[in-house]
Amino acid sequence: MVAPVLKRPALLWLLAPYVLYLGALPLTDRVHPTVLGLPFLFFWFLLATLLTPVAVLMTRRADRKRGRA
């Protein structure tokens, strides 16, 4: 039996939010510099939150193209 991710590689888009939230946390644990007036860590979490629906949308689009919607 083949793993579901190998059958549906678009599911890899759903790893992006996980990597942004947890994988990069040790690298972004800083207050300075600030980005748009926000501490860097807060900006990073805001960016990850905004990119999560984009990753879900990309996965949905890829599934619809393959006829799995």
C-alpha atoms as a PDB file:
ATOM      1  CA  MET A   1       0.000   0.000   0.000  1.00  0.00           C
ATOM      2  CA  VAL A   2       1.359   3.424  -0.992  1.00  0.00           C
ATOM      3  CA  ALA A   3       1.340   6.207   1.590  1.00  0.00           C
ATOM      4  CA  PRO A   4      -1.417   8.828   1.040  1.00  0.00           C
ATOM      5  CA  VAL A   5       1.119  11.636   0.613  1.00  0.00           C
ATOM      6  CA  LEU A   6       2.777   9.813  -2.268  1.00  0.00           C
ATOM      7  CA  LYS A   7      -0.588   9.397  -3.966  1.00  0.00           C
ATOM      8  CA  ARG A   8      -1.512  13.026  -3.332  1.00  0.00           C
ATOM      9  CA  PRO A   9       1.661  15.154  -3.366  1.00  0.00           C
ATOM     10  CA  ALA A  10      -0.438  18.317  -3.031  1.00  0.00           C
ATOM     11  CA  LEU A  11      -0.830  17.425   0.644  1.00  0.00           C
ATOM     12  CA  LEU A  12       2.739  18.616   1.090  1.00  0.00           C
ATOM     13  CA  TRP A  13       1.365  22.185   0.902  1.00  0.00           C
ATOM     14  CA  LEU A  14      -0.174  21.527   4.310  1.00  0.00           C
ATOM     15  CA  LEU A  15       3.291  21.117   5.808  1.00  0.00           C
ATOM     16  CA  ALA A  16       4.122  24.766   5.118  1.00  0.00           C
ATOM     17  CA  PRO A  17       2.149  26.175   8.089  1.00  0.00           C
ATOM     18  CA  TYR A  18       3.644  23.536  10.380  1.00  0.00           C
ATOM     19  CA  VAL A  19       7.154  24.468   9.295  1.00  0.00           C
ATOM     20  CA  LEU A  20       6.410  28.171   9.632  1.00  0.00           C
ATOM     21  CA  TYR A  21       4.985  27.827  13.148  1.00  0.00           C
ATOM     22  CA  LEU A  22       7.197  25.202  14.741  1.00  0.00           C
ATOM     23  CA  GLY A  23      10.161  24.510  12.527  1.00  0.00           C
ATOM     24  CA  ALA A  24      11.344  28.082  12.307  1.00  0.00           C
ATOM     25  CA  LEU A  25      10.528  29.084  15.889  1.00  0.00           C
ATOM     26  CA  PRO A  26      14.087  28.710  17.223  1.00  0.00           C
ATOM     27  CA  LEU A  27      15.358  30.819  14.321  1.00  0.00           C
ATOM     28  CA  THR A  28      12.892  33.668  14.797  1.00  0.00           C
ATOM     29  CA  ASP A  29      12.840  33.978  18.592  1.00  0.00           C
ATOM     30  CA  ARG A  30      13.911  37.615  18.619  1.00  0.00           C
ATOM     31  CA  VAL A  31      12.377  40.927  19.606  1.00  0.00           C
ATOM     32  CA  HIS A  32      14.730  43.019  17.519  1.00  0.00           C
ATOM     33  CA  PRO A  33      14.648  43.752  14.604  1.00  0.00           C
ATOM     34  CA  THR A  34      11.145  45.005  14.149  1.00  0.00           C
ATOM     35  CA  VAL A  35       9.184  44.591  10.925  1.00  0.00           C
ATOM     36  CA  LEU A  36       6.399  47.074  10.203  1.00  0.00           C
ATOM     37  CA  GLY A  37       6.646  48.194  13.817  1.00  0.00           C
ATOM     38  CA  LEU A  38       6.050  44.675  15.141  1.00  0.00           C
ATOM     39  CA  PRO A  39       8.542  42.481  16.974  1.00  0.00           C
ATOM     40  CA  PHE A  40       9.979  39.965  14.541  1.00  0.00           C
ATOM     41  CA  LEU A  41       8.444  36.906  16.236  1.00  0.00           C
ATOM     42  CA  PHE A  42       4.972  38.483  16.210  1.00  0.00           C
ATOM     43  CA  PHE A  43       5.387  39.396  12.550  1.00  0.00           C
ATOM     44  CA  TRP A  44       6.497  35.819  11.781  1.00  0.00           C
ATOM     45  CA  PHE A  45       3.374  34.349  13.432  1.00  0.00           C
ATOM     46  CA  LEU A  46       1.173  36.866  11.637  1.00  0.00           C
ATOM     47  CA  LEU A  47       2.741  35.883   8.322  1.00  0.00           C
ATOM     48  CA  ALA A  48       2.285  32.167   9.076  1.00  0.00           C
ATOM     49  CA  THR A  49      -1.361  32.758   9.998  1.00  0.00           C
ATOM     50  CA  LEU A  50      -2.007  34.599   6.745  1.00  0.00           C
ATOM     51  CA  LEU A  51      -0.244  31.934   4.662  1.00  0.00           C
ATOM     52  CA  THR A  52      -2.137  28.978   6.181  1.00  0.00           C
ATOM     53  CA  PRO A  53      -5.339  29.561   4.152  1.00  0.00           C
ATOM     54  CA  VAL A  54      -3.186  29.959   1.035  1.00  0.00           C
ATOM     55  CA  ALA A  55      -1.652  26.527   1.639  1.00  0.00           C
ATOM     56  CA  VAL A  56      -5.104  24.998   2.131  1.00  0.00           C
ATOM     57  CA  LEU A  57      -6.313  26.687  -1.065  1.00  0.00           C
ATOM     58  CA  MET A  58      -3.342  25.355  -3.032  1.00  0.00           C
ATOM     59  CA  THR A  59      -4.050  21.834  -1.749  1.00  0.00           C
ATOM     60  CA  ARG A  60      -7.726  22.127  -2.657  1.00  0.00           C
ATOM     61  CA  ARG A  61      -6.930  23.377  -6.149  1.00  0.00           C
ATOM     62  CA  ALA A  62      -4.525  20.539  -6.787  1.00  0.00           C
ATOM     63  CA  ASP A  63      -7.084  17.986  -5.582  1.00  0.00           C
ATOM     64  CA  ARG A  64      -9.765  19.480  -7.811  1.00  0.00           C
ATOM     65  CA  LYS A  65      -7.448  19.277 -10.820  1.00  0.00           C
ATOM     66  CA  ARG A  66      -6.962  15.584 -10.124  1.00  0.00           C
ATOM     67  CA  GLY A  67     -10.716  15.100  -9.776  1.00  0.00           C
ATOM     68  CA  ARG A  68     -10.771  14.418  -6.050  1.00  0.00           C
ATOM     69  CA  ALA A  69     -13.009  17.287  -4.939  1.00  0.00           C
END
